[in-house]
Amino acid sequence: MQQIQRSSERQKEILTATLSLVGKHGVQNVTIAQICQQSGASVGSVYHHFGDREGILYALYRESFVGCFEQIREAVVVAESAEAGIQALVFAYLQWVETNAERASFIYEASQGSLLRRYVAEIQAFKGAFYADIFAWMGPFIARGEIIALPPWAYDAIMMGPAHEFARRWLGGFRDMPMGEAREIIAAAVWRGVGGKTAVI
């Protein structure tokens, strides 16, 4: 048990060091040597726990997404109305971005190009599980026409697209609009985009 706990702690130290280094140097420029120096882990330990550099970045990507997803899920599934749930989704995501700016920046950067190409199936699986929970909550509201009926991909584009766009700008230094005000505006706009009494295919 103690060995398992120590192994978990070492993995956490490596991921924490990697996140810090990514913030300083960018995803593409972080090296195993830097990670070892920052975390205090040996090269052998790093490879034992994560396989290689891409394995470390995937583990950090997954850990970051899981934390984000949990915050969104907890906010949405308790909502008793369609409007409250859709707005909670936007609020929860942008709140997570604001309080986890370093992780959010990492997710956006790591999502570009082919950096995590070996892990596409795994990424699709854990994202799919998250969306399945959200769609399960949405189902009764869609059936009653309180949320318009759309293909699954369209919900992601409409409900998350505006928040993603603002988050990228905010993380890039855009501060003309306070995050709190932006959440209100974007959440209201997203609800107007998917809310309604008439189902549309």
C-alpha atoms as a PDB file:
ATOM      1  CA  MET A   1       0.000   0.000   0.000  1.00  0.00           C
ATOM      2  CA  GLN A   2       2.811   2.403   0.895  1.00  0.00           C
ATOM      3  CA  GLN A   3       4.583   1.620  -2.363  1.00  0.00           C
ATOM      4  CA  ILE A   4       1.398   2.310  -4.335  1.00  0.00           C
ATOM      5  CA  GLN A   5       0.926   5.619  -2.530  1.00  0.00           C
ATOM      6  CA  ARG A   6       4.538   6.609  -3.205  1.00  0.00           C
ATOM      7  CA  SER A   7       4.146   5.692  -6.858  1.00  0.00           C
ATOM      8  CA  SER A   8       1.031   7.849  -7.086  1.00  0.00           C
ATOM      9  CA  GLU A   9       2.834  10.735  -5.401  1.00  0.00           C
ATOM     10  CA  ARG A  10       5.753  10.436  -7.824  1.00  0.00           C
ATOM     11  CA  GLN A  11       3.415  10.506 -10.793  1.00  0.00           C
ATOM     12  CA  LYS A  12       1.740  13.624  -9.385  1.00  0.00           C
ATOM     13  CA  GLU A  13       5.122  15.302  -8.922  1.00  0.00           C
ATOM     14  CA  ILE A  14       6.070  14.563 -12.517  1.00  0.00           C
ATOM     15  CA  LEU A  15       2.772  15.884 -13.881  1.00  0.00           C
ATOM     16  CA  THR A  16       2.944  19.018 -11.717  1.00  0.00           C
ATOM     17  CA  ALA A  17       6.468  19.689 -12.962  1.00  0.00           C
ATOM     18  CA  THR A  18       5.397  19.130 -16.553  1.00  0.00           C
ATOM     19  CA  LEU A  19       2.494  21.567 -16.255  1.00  0.00           C
ATOM     20  CA  SER A  20       4.810  24.232 -14.836  1.00  0.00           C
ATOM     21  CA  LEU A  21       7.342  23.700 -17.625  1.00  0.00           C
ATOM     22  CA  VAL A  22       4.677  23.818 -20.321  1.00  0.00           C
ATOM     23  CA  GLY A  23       3.540  27.170 -18.948  1.00  0.00           C
ATOM     24  CA  LYS A  24       7.090  28.508 -19.196  1.00  0.00           C
ATOM     25  CA  HIS A  25       8.319  26.952 -22.444  1.00  0.00           C
ATOM     26  CA  GLY A  26       5.309  25.676 -24.396  1.00  0.00           C
ATOM     27  CA  VAL A  27       4.292  22.071 -25.051  1.00  0.00           C
ATOM     28  CA  GLN A  28       6.625  21.506 -27.977  1.00  0.00           C
ATOM     29  CA  ASN A  29       9.727  22.677 -26.122  1.00  0.00           C
ATOM     30  CA  VAL A  30       9.478  20.690 -22.900  1.00  0.00           C
ATOM     31  CA  THR A  31      12.031  17.894 -22.620  1.00  0.00           C
ATOM     32  CA  ILE A  32      12.370  14.786 -20.474  1.00  0.00           C
ATOM     33  CA  ALA A  33      15.565  16.243 -18.986  1.00  0.00           C
ATOM     34  CA  GLN A  34      13.693  19.359 -17.860  1.00  0.00           C
ATOM     35  CA  ILE A  35      10.888  17.286 -16.379  1.00  0.00           C
ATOM     36  CA  CYS A  36      13.368  15.174 -14.422  1.00  0.00           C
ATOM     37  CA  GLN A  37      15.195  18.226 -13.117  1.00  0.00           C
ATOM     38  CA  GLN A  38      11.980  20.033 -12.123  1.00  0.00           C
ATOM     39  CA  SER A  39      10.317  17.011 -10.509  1.00  0.00           C
ATOM     40  CA  GLY A  40      13.384  15.415  -8.954  1.00  0.00           C
ATOM     41  CA  ALA A  41      12.515  12.121 -10.652  1.00  0.00           C
ATOM     42  CA  SER A  42      15.083   9.992 -12.417  1.00  0.00           C
ATOM     43  CA  VAL A  43      14.849   9.322 -16.134  1.00  0.00           C
ATOM     44  CA  GLY A  44      14.095   5.685 -15.307  1.00  0.00           C
ATOM     45  CA  SER A  45      11.238   6.682 -13.010  1.00  0.00           C
ATOM     46  CA  VAL A  46       9.700   8.946 -15.650  1.00  0.00           C
ATOM     47  CA  TYR A  47       9.810   6.220 -18.287  1.00  0.00           C
ATOM     48  CA  HIS A  48       8.539   3.626 -15.816  1.00  0.00           C
ATOM     49  CA  HIS A  49       5.437   5.653 -14.987  1.00  0.00           C
ATOM     50  CA  PHE A  50       4.615   7.184 -18.363  1.00  0.00           C
ATOM     51  CA  GLY A  51       6.556   5.387 -21.093  1.00  0.00           C
ATOM     52  CA  ASP A  52       7.853   8.480 -22.853  1.00  0.00           C
ATOM     53  CA  ARG A  53       7.391  12.225 -23.245  1.00  0.00           C
ATOM     54  CA  GLU A  54       4.134  11.857 -25.152  1.00  0.00           C
ATOM     55  CA  GLY A  55       2.851   9.550 -22.427  1.00  0.00           C
ATOM     56  CA  ILE A  56       3.484  12.243 -19.812  1.00  0.00           C
ATOM     57  CA  LEU A  57       1.673  14.856 -21.880  1.00  0.00           C
ATOM     58  CA  TYR A  58      -1.268  12.511 -22.455  1.00  0.00           C
ATOM     59  CA  ALA A  59      -1.530  11.787 -18.722  1.00  0.00           C
ATOM     60  CA  LEU A  60      -1.521  15.530 -17.983  1.00  0.00           C
ATOM     61  CA  TYR A  61      -4.081  16.120 -20.746  1.00  0.00           C
ATOM     62  CA  ARG A  62      -6.385  13.453 -19.366  1.00  0.00           C
ATOM     63  CA  GLU A  63      -5.994  14.620 -15.768  1.00  0.00           C
ATOM     64  CA  SER A  64      -6.814  18.192 -16.791  1.00  0.00           C
ATOM     65  CA  PHE A  65      -9.840  17.190 -18.850  1.00  0.00           C
ATOM     66  CA  VAL A  66     -11.203  14.912 -16.138  1.00  0.00           C
ATOM     67  CA  GLY A  67     -11.085  17.756 -13.625  1.00  0.00           C
ATOM     68  CA  CYS A  68     -12.821  20.071 -16.057  1.00  0.00           C
ATOM     69  CA  PHE A  69     -15.449  17.505 -16.999  1.00  0.00           C
ATOM     70  CA  GLU A  70     -16.265  16.700 -13.389  1.00  0.00           C
ATOM     71  CA  GLN A  71     -16.888  20.349 -12.596  1.00  0.00           C
ATOM     72  CA  ILE A  72     -19.190  20.719 -15.603  1.00  0.00           C
ATOM     73  CA  ARG A  73     -21.041  17.462 -14.962  1.00  0.00           C
ATOM     74  CA  GLU A  74     -21.706  18.286 -11.322  1.00  0.00           C
ATOM     75  CA  ALA A  75     -23.119  21.679 -12.304  1.00  0.00           C
ATOM     76  CA  VAL A  76     -25.327  20.423 -15.130  1.00  0.00           C
ATOM     77  CA  VAL A  77     -26.907  17.176 -13.947  1.00  0.00           C
ATOM     78  CA  VAL A  78     -28.497  18.751 -10.864  1.00  0.00           C
ATOM     79  CA  ALA A  79     -30.241  21.444 -12.930  1.00  0.00           C
ATOM     80  CA  GLU A  80     -34.015  21.035 -12.929  1.00  0.00           C
ATOM     81  CA  SER A  81     -34.712  23.138 -16.011  1.00  0.00           C
ATOM     82  CA  ALA A  82     -33.238  23.089 -19.498  1.00  0.00           C
ATOM     83  CA  GLU A  83     -32.229  26.725 -19.334  1.00  0.00           C
ATOM     84  CA  ALA A  84     -30.531  26.351 -15.957  1.00  0.00           C
ATOM     85  CA  GLY A  85     -28.563  23.327 -17.130  1.00  0.00           C
ATOM     86  CA  ILE A  86     -27.377  24.812 -20.410  1.00  0.00           C
ATOM     87  CA  GLN A  87     -26.307  28.008 -18.690  1.00  0.00           C
ATOM     88  CA  ALA A  88     -24.624  26.005 -15.918  1.00  0.00           C
ATOM     89  CA  LEU A  89     -22.568  24.207 -18.551  1.00  0.00           C
ATOM     90  CA  VAL A  90     -21.181  27.483 -19.884  1.00  0.00           C
ATOM     91  CA  PHE A  91     -20.697  28.958 -16.415  1.00  0.00           C
ATOM     92  CA  ALA A  92     -18.906  25.874 -15.092  1.00  0.00           C
ATOM     93  CA  TYR A  93     -16.561  25.627 -18.049  1.00  0.00           C
ATOM     94  CA  LEU A  94     -15.511  29.271 -18.042  1.00  0.00           C
ATOM     95  CA  GLN A  95     -15.174  29.223 -14.259  1.00  0.00           C
ATOM     96  CA  TRP A  96     -12.852  26.225 -14.592  1.00  0.00           C
ATOM     97  CA  VAL A  97     -10.809  28.087 -17.223  1.00  0.00           C
ATOM     98  CA  GLU A  98     -10.513  31.107 -14.962  1.00  0.00           C
ATOM     99  CA  THR A  99      -9.354  29.115 -11.947  1.00  0.00           C
ATOM    100  CA  ASN A 100      -7.193  26.677 -13.957  1.00  0.00           C
ATOM    101  CA  ALA A 101      -5.729  28.974 -16.597  1.00  0.00           C
ATOM    102  CA  GLU A 102      -2.450  27.059 -16.847  1.00  0.00           C
ATOM    103  CA  ARG A 103      -4.226  23.750 -17.458  1.00  0.00           C
ATOM    104  CA  ALA A 104      -6.696  25.320 -19.885  1.00  0.00           C
ATOM    105  CA  SER A 105      -3.861  26.833 -21.926  1.00  0.00           C
ATOM    106  CA  PHE A 106      -2.148  23.445 -21.964  1.00  0.00           C
ATOM    107  CA  ILE A 107      -5.298  21.692 -23.200  1.00  0.00           C
ATOM    108  CA  TYR A 108      -5.735  24.115 -26.078  1.00  0.00           C
ATOM    109  CA  GLU A 109      -2.081  23.918 -27.070  1.00  0.00           C
ATOM    110  CA  ALA A 110      -1.873  20.141 -26.764  1.00  0.00           C
ATOM    111  CA  SER A 111      -5.049  19.709 -28.824  1.00  0.00           C
ATOM    112  CA  GLN A 112      -3.361  21.225 -31.865  1.00  0.00           C
ATOM    113  CA  GLY A 113      -1.529  19.131 -34.443  1.00  0.00           C
ATOM    114  CA  SER A 114      -0.535  15.502 -33.931  1.00  0.00           C
ATOM    115  CA  LEU A 115       1.150  15.680 -30.533  1.00  0.00           C
ATOM    116  CA  LEU A 116      -1.215  13.144 -28.933  1.00  0.00           C
ATOM    117  CA  ARG A 117      -1.914  11.135 -32.093  1.00  0.00           C
ATOM    118  CA  ARG A 118      -1.155   7.794 -30.363  1.00  0.00           C
ATOM    119  CA  TYR A 119      -3.916   8.449 -27.852  1.00  0.00           C
ATOM    120  CA  VAL A 120      -6.770   9.460 -30.134  1.00  0.00           C
ATOM    121  CA  ALA A 121      -8.898   6.429 -29.219  1.00  0.00           C
ATOM    122  CA  GLU A 122      -8.407   6.958 -25.480  1.00  0.00           C
ATOM    123  CA  ILE A 123      -9.211  10.659 -25.743  1.00  0.00           C
ATOM    124  CA  GLN A 124     -12.373   9.961 -27.727  1.00  0.00           C
ATOM    125  CA  ALA A 125     -13.409   7.371 -25.133  1.00  0.00           C
ATOM    126  CA  PHE A 126     -13.196   9.596 -22.059  1.00  0.00           C
ATOM    127  CA  LYS A 127     -14.696  12.554 -23.882  1.00  0.00           C
ATOM    128  CA  GLY A 128     -17.490  10.290 -25.122  1.00  0.00           C
ATOM    129  CA  ALA A 129     -18.267   9.142 -21.573  1.00  0.00           C
ATOM    130  CA  PHE A 130     -18.583  12.764 -20.459  1.00  0.00           C
ATOM    131  CA  TYR A 131     -20.858  13.734 -23.327  1.00  0.00           C
ATOM    132  CA  ALA A 132     -22.973  10.625 -22.725  1.00  0.00           C
ATOM    133  CA  ASP A 133     -23.777  11.919 -19.224  1.00  0.00           C
ATOM    134  CA  ILE A 134     -24.644  15.378 -20.553  1.00  0.00           C
ATOM    135  CA  PHE A 135     -26.805  13.968 -23.350  1.00  0.00           C
ATOM    136  CA  ALA A 136     -28.571  11.692 -20.869  1.00  0.00           C
ATOM    137  CA  TRP A 137     -29.501  14.777 -18.836  1.00  0.00           C
ATOM    138  CA  MET A 138     -30.590  16.601 -22.004  1.00  0.00           C
ATOM    139  CA  GLY A 139     -32.710  13.705 -23.289  1.00  0.00           C
ATOM    140  CA  PRO A 140     -35.999  14.440 -21.476  1.00  0.00           C
ATOM    141  CA  PHE A 141     -35.767  18.147 -22.325  1.00  0.00           C
ATOM    142  CA  ILE A 142     -35.189  17.344 -25.992  1.00  0.00           C
ATOM    143  CA  ALA A 143     -38.143  14.943 -25.951  1.00  0.00           C
ATOM    144  CA  ARG A 144     -40.376  17.702 -24.580  1.00  0.00           C
ATOM    145  CA  GLY A 145     -39.085  20.244 -27.081  1.00  0.00           C
ATOM    146  CA  GLU A 146     -37.484  22.385 -24.395  1.00  0.00           C
ATOM    147  CA  ILE A 147     -34.127  21.889 -26.105  1.00  0.00           C
ATOM    148  CA  ILE A 148     -34.160  21.710 -29.889  1.00  0.00           C
ATOM    149  CA  ALA A 149     -33.275  18.355 -31.468  1.00  0.00           C
ATOM    150  CA  LEU A 150     -29.949  18.429 -33.281  1.00  0.00           C
ATOM    151  CA  PRO A 151     -27.225  15.978 -34.320  1.00  0.00           C
ATOM    152  CA  PRO A 152     -24.847  15.351 -31.370  1.00  0.00           C
ATOM    153  CA  TRP A 153     -21.926  17.154 -32.999  1.00  0.00           C
ATOM    154  CA  ALA A 154     -24.058  20.293 -33.354  1.00  0.00           C
ATOM    155  CA  TYR A 155     -24.698  20.543 -29.615  1.00  0.00           C
ATOM    156  CA  ASP A 156     -20.980  20.566 -28.938  1.00  0.00           C
ATOM    157  CA  ALA A 157     -20.372  23.257 -31.549  1.00  0.00           C
ATOM    158  CA  ILE A 158     -23.235  25.477 -30.401  1.00  0.00           C
ATOM    159  CA  MET A 159     -23.014  24.978 -26.632  1.00  0.00           C
ATOM    160  CA  MET A 160     -19.235  24.921 -26.232  1.00  0.00           C
ATOM    161  CA  GLY A 161     -17.989  26.786 -29.304  1.00  0.00           C
ATOM    162  CA  PRO A 162     -18.594  30.348 -28.016  1.00  0.00           C
ATOM    163  CA  ALA A 163     -17.086  29.513 -24.626  1.00  0.00           C
ATOM    164  CA  HIS A 164     -14.014  27.963 -26.263  1.00  0.00           C
ATOM    165  CA  GLU A 165     -13.503  30.998 -28.470  1.00  0.00           C
ATOM    166  CA  PHE A 166     -13.742  33.423 -25.563  1.00  0.00           C
ATOM    167  CA  ALA A 167     -11.521  31.205 -23.392  1.00  0.00           C
ATOM    168  CA  ARG A 168      -8.763  31.178 -26.015  1.00  0.00           C
ATOM    169  CA  ARG A 169      -8.866  34.966 -26.270  1.00  0.00           C
ATOM    170  CA  TRP A 170      -8.971  35.394 -22.497  1.00  0.00           C
ATOM    171  CA  LEU A 171      -6.039  33.039 -22.005  1.00  0.00           C
ATOM    172  CA  GLY A 172      -4.182  34.922 -24.724  1.00  0.00           C
ATOM    173  CA  GLY A 173      -4.435  38.163 -22.767  1.00  0.00           C
ATOM    174  CA  PHE A 174      -7.809  39.612 -23.787  1.00  0.00           C
ATOM    175  CA  ARG A 175      -9.123  41.243 -20.634  1.00  0.00           C
ATOM    176  CA  ASP A 176     -11.370  43.992 -22.001  1.00  0.00           C
ATOM    177  CA  MET A 177     -14.415  42.092 -20.751  1.00  0.00           C
ATOM    178  CA  PRO A 178     -14.416  40.633 -17.242  1.00  0.00           C
ATOM    179  CA  MET A 179     -14.873  36.869 -17.139  1.00  0.00           C
ATOM    180  CA  GLY A 180     -18.022  37.184 -15.002  1.00  0.00           C
ATOM    181  CA  GLU A 181     -19.713  39.440 -17.532  1.00  0.00           C
ATOM    182  CA  ALA A 182     -18.615  37.218 -20.412  1.00  0.00           C
ATOM    183  CA  ARG A 183     -20.117  34.141 -18.741  1.00  0.00           C
ATOM    184  CA  GLU A 184     -23.491  35.860 -18.491  1.00  0.00           C
ATOM    185  CA  ILE A 185     -23.494  36.996 -22.120  1.00  0.00           C
ATOM    186  CA  ILE A 186     -22.253  33.714 -23.580  1.00  0.00           C
ATOM    187  CA  ALA A 187     -24.569  31.556 -21.455  1.00  0.00           C
ATOM    188  CA  ALA A 188     -27.585  33.621 -22.516  1.00  0.00           C
ATOM    189  CA  ALA A 189     -26.568  33.415 -26.175  1.00  0.00           C
ATOM    190  CA  VAL A 190     -26.045  29.649 -26.024  1.00  0.00           C
ATOM    191  CA  TRP A 191     -29.463  29.173 -24.442  1.00  0.00           C
ATOM    192  CA  ARG A 192     -31.043  31.196 -27.237  1.00  0.00           C
ATOM    193  CA  GLY A 193     -29.274  28.917 -29.688  1.00  0.00           C
ATOM    194  CA  VAL A 194     -30.570  25.597 -28.348  1.00  0.00           C
ATOM    195  CA  GLY A 195     -33.652  26.446 -26.291  1.00  0.00           C
ATOM    196  CA  GLY A 196     -37.114  26.263 -27.705  1.00  0.00           C
ATOM    197  CA  LYS A 197     -40.478  24.577 -27.635  1.00  0.00           C
ATOM    198  CA  THR A 198     -40.359  23.292 -31.215  1.00  0.00           C
ATOM    199  CA  ALA A 199     -38.094  20.381 -32.065  1.00  0.00           C
ATOM    200  CA  VAL A 200     -35.890  20.946 -35.089  1.00  0.00           C
ATOM    201  CA  ILE A 201     -33.878  18.277 -36.894  1.00  0.00           C
END
